[in-house]
Amino acid sequence: MKNAEINKLGVEELAKLIVNEQENLDRLKLAHAISPIENPMRIRQTRRLIARLNTVLNVKSQA
């Protein structure tokens, strides 16, 4: 998801997306712990996406 797309989302949509991505990250970590996943970079990408979403959410909630 690009930054321009993230900036267009509302506060509620951001919060829902953060929850969904956090659940996705948990599933990825569990799957990787059991047996190595095909693309372990997805864990890093998901973690960074969550950080970007949290940053935009904090900026929008302060404004």
PDB file of N, CA and C in Angstrom:
ATOM      1  N   MET A   1       0.848  -1.165   0.000  1.00  0.00           N
ATOM      2  CA  MET A   1       0.000   0.000   0.000  1.00  0.00           C
ATOM      3  C   MET A   1       0.896   1.231   0.000  1.00  0.00           C
ATOM      4  N   LYS A   2       0.607   2.146  -0.901  1.00  0.00           N
ATOM      5  CA  LYS A   2       1.426   3.340  -1.038  1.00  0.00           C
ATOM      6  C   LYS A   2       1.014   4.399  -0.018  1.00  0.00           C
ATOM      7  N   ASN A   3       1.937   5.316   0.255  1.00  0.00           N
ATOM      8  CA  ASN A   3       1.671   6.373   1.229  1.00  0.00           C
ATOM      9  C   ASN A   3       0.510   7.261   0.805  1.00  0.00           C
ATOM     10  N   ALA A   4       0.354   7.515  -0.486  1.00  0.00           N
ATOM     11  CA  ALA A   4      -0.754   8.342  -0.961  1.00  0.00           C
ATOM     12  C   ALA A   4      -2.085   7.663  -0.655  1.00  0.00           C
ATOM     13  N   GLU A   5      -2.144   6.355  -0.803  1.00  0.00           N
ATOM     14  CA  GLU A   5      -3.368   5.609  -0.498  1.00  0.00           C
ATOM     15  C   GLU A   5      -3.652   5.633   1.000  1.00  0.00           C
ATOM     16  N   ILE A   6      -2.604   5.524   1.801  1.00  0.00           N
ATOM     17  CA  ILE A   6      -2.768   5.533   3.260  1.00  0.00           C
ATOM     18  C   ILE A   6      -3.277   6.891   3.724  1.00  0.00           C
ATOM     19  N   ASN A   7      -2.752   7.978   3.143  1.00  0.00           N
ATOM     20  CA  ASN A   7      -3.150   9.322   3.562  1.00  0.00           C
ATOM     21  C   ASN A   7      -4.604   9.627   3.230  1.00  0.00           C
ATOM     22  N   LYS A   8      -5.173   8.960   2.243  1.00  0.00           N
ATOM     23  CA  LYS A   8      -6.561   9.196   1.858  1.00  0.00           C
ATOM     24  C   LYS A   8      -7.551   8.536   2.813  1.00  0.00           C
ATOM     25  N   LEU A   9      -7.100   7.562   3.596  1.00  0.00           N
ATOM     26  CA  LEU A   9      -7.998   6.824   4.487  1.00  0.00           C
ATOM     27  C   LEU A   9      -8.384   7.666   5.693  1.00  0.00           C
ATOM     28  N   GLY A  10      -9.562   7.366   6.243  1.00  0.00           N
ATOM     29  CA  GLY A  10     -10.021   8.041   7.441  1.00  0.00           C
ATOM     30  C   GLY A  10      -9.469   7.368   8.684  1.00  0.00           C
ATOM     31  N   VAL A  11      -9.731   7.968   9.832  1.00  0.00           N
ATOM     32  CA  VAL A  11      -9.198   7.468  11.099  1.00  0.00           C
ATOM     33  C   VAL A  11      -9.750   6.069  11.407  1.00  0.00           C
ATOM     34  N   GLU A  12     -11.048   5.870  11.214  1.00  0.00           N
ATOM     35  CA  GLU A  12     -11.647   4.562  11.506  1.00  0.00           C
ATOM     36  C   GLU A  12     -11.126   3.489  10.565  1.00  0.00           C
ATOM     37  N   GLU A  13     -10.965   3.839   9.292  1.00  0.00           N
ATOM     38  CA  GLU A  13     -10.442   2.872   8.326  1.00  0.00           C
ATOM     39  C   GLU A  13      -9.006   2.493   8.663  1.00  0.00           C
ATOM     40  N   LEU A  14      -8.226   3.473   9.105  1.00  0.00           N
ATOM     41  CA  LEU A  14      -6.848   3.196   9.496  1.00  0.00           C
ATOM     42  C   LEU A  14      -6.799   2.245  10.686  1.00  0.00           C
ATOM     43  N   ALA A  15      -7.655   2.492  11.665  1.00  0.00           N
ATOM     44  CA  ALA A  15      -7.671   1.635  12.854  1.00  0.00           C
ATOM     45  C   ALA A  15      -8.034   0.192  12.484  1.00  0.00           C
ATOM     46  N   LYS A  16      -9.030   0.029  11.613  1.00  0.00           N
ATOM     47  CA  LYS A  16      -9.422  -1.313  11.183  1.00  0.00           C
ATOM     48  C   LYS A  16      -8.306  -1.998  10.408  1.00  0.00           C
ATOM     49  N   LEU A  17      -7.645  -1.230   9.551  1.00  0.00           N
ATOM     50  CA  LEU A  17      -6.561  -1.779   8.741  1.00  0.00           C
ATOM     51  C   LEU A  17      -5.381  -2.190   9.620  1.00  0.00           C
ATOM     52  N   ILE A  18      -5.104  -1.425  10.658  1.00  0.00           N
ATOM     53  CA  ILE A  18      -4.021  -1.772  11.584  1.00  0.00           C
ATOM     54  C   ILE A  18      -4.327  -3.094  12.273  1.00  0.00           C
ATOM     55  N   VAL A  19      -5.555  -3.257  12.723  1.00  0.00           N
ATOM     56  CA  VAL A  19      -5.943  -4.513  13.385  1.00  0.00           C
ATOM     57  C   VAL A  19      -5.802  -5.691  12.426  1.00  0.00           C
ATOM     58  N   ASN A  20      -6.275  -5.520  11.192  1.00  0.00           N
ATOM     59  CA  ASN A  20      -6.179  -6.601  10.205  1.00  0.00           C
ATOM     60  C   ASN A  20      -4.729  -6.957   9.890  1.00  0.00           C
ATOM     61  N   GLU A  21      -3.897  -5.953   9.717  1.00  0.00           N
ATOM     62  CA  GLU A  21      -2.496  -6.206   9.398  1.00  0.00           C
ATOM     63  C   GLU A  21      -1.751  -6.822  10.582  1.00  0.00           C
ATOM     64  N   GLN A  22      -2.125  -6.435  11.797  1.00  0.00           N
ATOM     65  CA  GLN A  22      -1.507  -7.024  12.991  1.00  0.00           C
ATOM     66  C   GLN A  22      -1.846  -8.509  13.085  1.00  0.00           C
ATOM     67  N   GLU A  23      -3.097  -8.855  12.782  1.00  0.00           N
ATOM     68  CA  GLU A  23      -3.494 -10.266  12.769  1.00  0.00           C
ATOM     69  C   GLU A  23      -2.742 -11.021  11.674  1.00  0.00           C
ATOM     70  N   ASN A  24      -2.588 -10.398  10.530  1.00  0.00           N
ATOM     71  CA  ASN A  24      -1.839 -11.001   9.434  1.00  0.00           C
ATOM     72  C   ASN A  24      -0.385 -11.239   9.847  1.00  0.00           C
ATOM     73  N   LEU A  25       0.217 -10.272  10.525  1.00  0.00           N
ATOM     74  CA  LEU A  25       1.593 -10.407  10.994  1.00  0.00           C
ATOM     75  C   LEU A  25       1.717 -11.556  11.990  1.00  0.00           C
ATOM     76  N   ASP A  26       0.772 -11.664  12.896  1.00  0.00           N
ATOM     77  CA  ASP A  26       0.796 -12.761  13.864  1.00  0.00           C
ATOM     78  C   ASP A  26       0.740 -14.112  13.167  1.00  0.00           C
ATOM     79  N   ARG A  27      -0.134 -14.218  12.147  1.00  0.00           N
ATOM     80  CA  ARG A  27      -0.235 -15.475  11.391  1.00  0.00           C
ATOM     81  C   ARG A  27       1.066 -15.795  10.650  1.00  0.00           C
ATOM     82  N   LEU A  28       1.655 -14.752  10.062  1.00  0.00           N
ATOM     83  CA  LEU A  28       2.918 -14.953   9.351  1.00  0.00           C
ATOM     84  C   LEU A  28       4.023 -15.425  10.289  1.00  0.00           C
ATOM     85  N   LYS A  29       4.116 -14.816  11.462  1.00  0.00           N
ATOM     86  CA  LYS A  29       5.141 -15.201  12.428  1.00  0.00           C
ATOM     87  C   LYS A  29       4.944 -16.635  12.901  1.00  0.00           C
ATOM     88  N   LEU A  30       3.702 -17.013  13.143  1.00  0.00           N
ATOM     89  CA  LEU A  30       3.408 -18.378  13.578  1.00  0.00           C
ATOM     90  C   LEU A  30       3.749 -19.375  12.482  1.00  0.00           C
ATOM     91  N   ALA A  31       3.363 -19.073  11.258  1.00  0.00           N
ATOM     92  CA  ALA A  31       3.662 -19.967  10.143  1.00  0.00           C
ATOM     93  C   ALA A  31       5.165 -20.088   9.934  1.00  0.00           C
ATOM     94  N   HIS A  32       5.894 -19.006  10.124  1.00  0.00           N
ATOM     95  CA  HIS A  32       7.340 -19.035   9.934  1.00  0.00           C
ATOM     96  C   HIS A  32       8.026 -19.809  11.062  1.00  0.00           C
ATOM     97  N   ALA A  33       7.459 -19.760  12.258  1.00  0.00           N
ATOM     98  CA  ALA A  33       8.040 -20.494  13.380  1.00  0.00           C
ATOM     99  C   ALA A  33       7.849 -21.999  13.208  1.00  0.00           C
ATOM    100  N   ILE A  34       6.721 -22.393  12.637  1.00  0.00           N
ATOM    101  CA  ILE A  34       6.437 -23.808  12.445  1.00  0.00           C
ATOM    102  C   ILE A  34       7.295 -24.372  11.320  1.00  0.00           C
ATOM    103  N   SER A  35       7.229 -23.741  10.183  1.00  0.00           N
ATOM    104  CA  SER A  35       8.079 -24.119   9.055  1.00  0.00           C
ATOM    105  C   SER A  35       8.366 -22.850   8.268  1.00  0.00           C
ATOM    106  N   PRO A  36       9.579 -22.714   7.765  1.00  0.00           N
ATOM    107  CA  PRO A  36       9.930 -21.464   7.076  1.00  0.00           C
ATOM    108  C   PRO A  36       8.980 -21.149   5.919  1.00  0.00           C
ATOM    109  N   ILE A  37       8.488 -19.901   5.915  1.00  0.00           N
ATOM    110  CA  ILE A  37       7.587 -19.502   4.837  1.00  0.00           C
ATOM    111  C   ILE A  37       8.402 -19.224   3.581  1.00  0.00           C
ATOM    112  N   GLU A  38       7.722 -19.209   2.447  1.00  0.00           N
ATOM    113  CA  GLU A  38       8.390 -19.059   1.160  1.00  0.00           C
ATOM    114  C   GLU A  38       9.103 -17.718   1.036  1.00  0.00           C
ATOM    115  N   ASN A  39       8.459 -16.649   1.498  1.00  0.00           N
ATOM    116  CA  ASN A  39       9.042 -15.319   1.382  1.00  0.00           C
ATOM    117  C   ASN A  39       9.051 -14.650   2.765  1.00  0.00           C
ATOM    118  N   PRO A  40      10.128 -14.811   3.536  1.00  0.00           N
ATOM    119  CA  PRO A  40      10.170 -14.225   4.878  1.00  0.00           C
ATOM    120  C   PRO A  40      10.206 -12.702   4.888  1.00  0.00           C
ATOM    121  N   MET A  41      10.462 -12.072   3.728  1.00  0.00           N
ATOM    122  CA  MET A  41      10.451 -10.613   3.660  1.00  0.00           C
ATOM    123  C   MET A  41       9.047 -10.059   3.877  1.00  0.00           C
ATOM    124  N   ARG A  42       8.032 -10.893   3.708  1.00  0.00           N
ATOM    125  CA  ARG A  42       6.654 -10.440   3.954  1.00  0.00           C
ATOM    126  C   ARG A  42       6.468 -10.017   5.404  1.00  0.00           C
ATOM    127  N   ILE A  43       7.199 -10.650   6.324  1.00  0.00           N
ATOM    128  CA  ILE A  43       7.106 -10.278   7.738  1.00  0.00           C
ATOM    129  C   ILE A  43       7.601  -8.843   7.911  1.00  0.00           C
ATOM    130  N   ARG A  44       8.737  -8.525   7.318  1.00  0.00           N
ATOM    131  CA  ARG A  44       9.292  -7.175   7.425  1.00  0.00           C
ATOM    132  C   ARG A  44       8.377  -6.157   6.754  1.00  0.00           C
ATOM    133  N   GLN A  45       7.864  -6.488   5.579  1.00  0.00           N
ATOM    134  CA  GLN A  45       6.985  -5.570   4.860  1.00  0.00           C
ATOM    135  C   GLN A  45       5.719  -5.283   5.656  1.00  0.00           C
ATOM    136  N   THR A  46       5.159  -6.311   6.274  1.00  0.00           N
ATOM    137  CA  THR A  46       3.944  -6.137   7.070  1.00  0.00           C
ATOM    138  C   THR A  46       4.220  -5.287   8.299  1.00  0.00           C
ATOM    139  N   ARG A  47       5.359  -5.537   8.946  1.00  0.00           N
ATOM    140  CA  ARG A  47       5.724  -4.765  10.125  1.00  0.00           C
ATOM    141  C   ARG A  47       5.893  -3.285   9.774  1.00  0.00           C
ATOM    142  N   ARG A  48       6.521  -3.011   8.646  1.00  0.00           N
ATOM    143  CA  ARG A  48       6.722  -1.622   8.221  1.00  0.00           C
ATOM    144  C   ARG A  48       5.414  -0.957   7.806  1.00  0.00           C
ATOM    145  N   LEU A  49       4.517  -1.726   7.198  1.00  0.00           N
ATOM    146  CA  LEU A  49       3.208  -1.182   6.839  1.00  0.00           C
ATOM    147  C   LEU A  49       2.434  -0.785   8.094  1.00  0.00           C
ATOM    148  N   ILE A  50       2.492  -1.629   9.120  1.00  0.00           N
ATOM    149  CA  ILE A  50       1.809  -1.314  10.379  1.00  0.00           C
ATOM    150  C   ILE A  50       2.392  -0.039  10.982  1.00  0.00           C
ATOM    151  N   ALA A  51       3.704   0.112  10.922  1.00  0.00           N
ATOM    152  CA  ALA A  51       4.339   1.319  11.454  1.00  0.00           C
ATOM    153  C   ALA A  51       3.894   2.555  10.677  1.00  0.00           C
ATOM    154  N   ARG A  52       3.825   2.443   9.333  1.00  0.00           N
ATOM    155  CA  ARG A  52       3.355   3.567   8.525  1.00  0.00           C
ATOM    156  C   ARG A  52       1.914   3.923   8.865  1.00  0.00           C
ATOM    157  N   LEU A  53       1.068   2.908   9.016  1.00  0.00           N
ATOM    158  CA  LEU A  53      -0.338   3.150   9.340  1.00  0.00           C
ATOM    159  C   LEU A  53      -0.469   3.824  10.702  1.00  0.00           C
ATOM    160  N   ASN A  54       0.314   3.355  11.680  1.00  0.00           N
ATOM    161  CA  ASN A  54       0.268   3.965  13.013  1.00  0.00           C
ATOM    162  C   ASN A  54       0.725   5.418  12.978  1.00  0.00           C
ATOM    163  N   THR A  55       1.739   5.715  12.181  1.00  0.00           N
ATOM    164  CA  THR A  55       2.232   7.086  12.070  1.00  0.00           C
ATOM    165  C   THR A  55       1.161   8.005  11.501  1.00  0.00           C
ATOM    166  N   VAL A  56       0.525   7.580  10.431  1.00  0.00           N
ATOM    167  CA  VAL A  56      -0.520   8.403   9.806  1.00  0.00           C
ATOM    168  C   VAL A  56      -1.710   8.549  10.747  1.00  0.00           C
ATOM    169  N   LEU A  57      -2.050   7.473  11.457  1.00  0.00           N
ATOM    170  CA  LEU A  57      -3.163   7.533  12.402  1.00  0.00           C
ATOM    171  C   LEU A  57      -2.875   8.536  13.507  1.00  0.00           C
ATOM    172  N   ASN A  58      -1.650   8.535  14.034  1.00  0.00           N
ATOM    173  CA  ASN A  58      -1.292   9.489  15.086  1.00  0.00           C
ATOM    174  C   ASN A  58      -1.331  10.925  14.579  1.00  0.00           C
ATOM    175  N   VAL A  59      -0.881  11.151  13.367  1.00  0.00           N
ATOM    176  CA  VAL A  59      -0.895  12.505  12.804  1.00  0.00           C
ATOM    177  C   VAL A  59      -2.333  12.987  12.630  1.00  0.00           C
ATOM    178  N   LYS A  60      -3.189  12.101  12.107  1.00  0.00           N
ATOM    179  CA  LYS A  60      -4.587  12.491  11.865  1.00  0.00           C
ATOM    180  C   LYS A  60      -5.356  12.675  13.170  1.00  0.00           C
ATOM    181  N   SER A  61      -5.063  11.870  14.176  1.00  0.00           N
ATOM    182  CA  SER A  61      -5.792  11.993  15.429  1.00  0.00           C
ATOM    183  C   SER A  61      -5.360  13.239  16.204  1.00  0.00           C
ATOM    184  N   GLN A  62      -4.141  13.698  16.010  1.00  0.00           N
ATOM    185  CA  GLN A  62      -3.684  14.922  16.677  1.00  0.00           C
ATOM    186  C   GLN A  62      -4.227  16.175  15.982  1.00  0.00           C
ATOM    187  N   ALA A  63      -4.526  16.075  14.706  1.00  0.00           N
ATOM    188  CA  ALA A  63      -4.998  17.242  13.958  1.00  0.00           C
ATOM    189  C   ALA A  63      -6.455  17.544  14.262  1.00  0.00           C
TER     190      ALA A  63
END
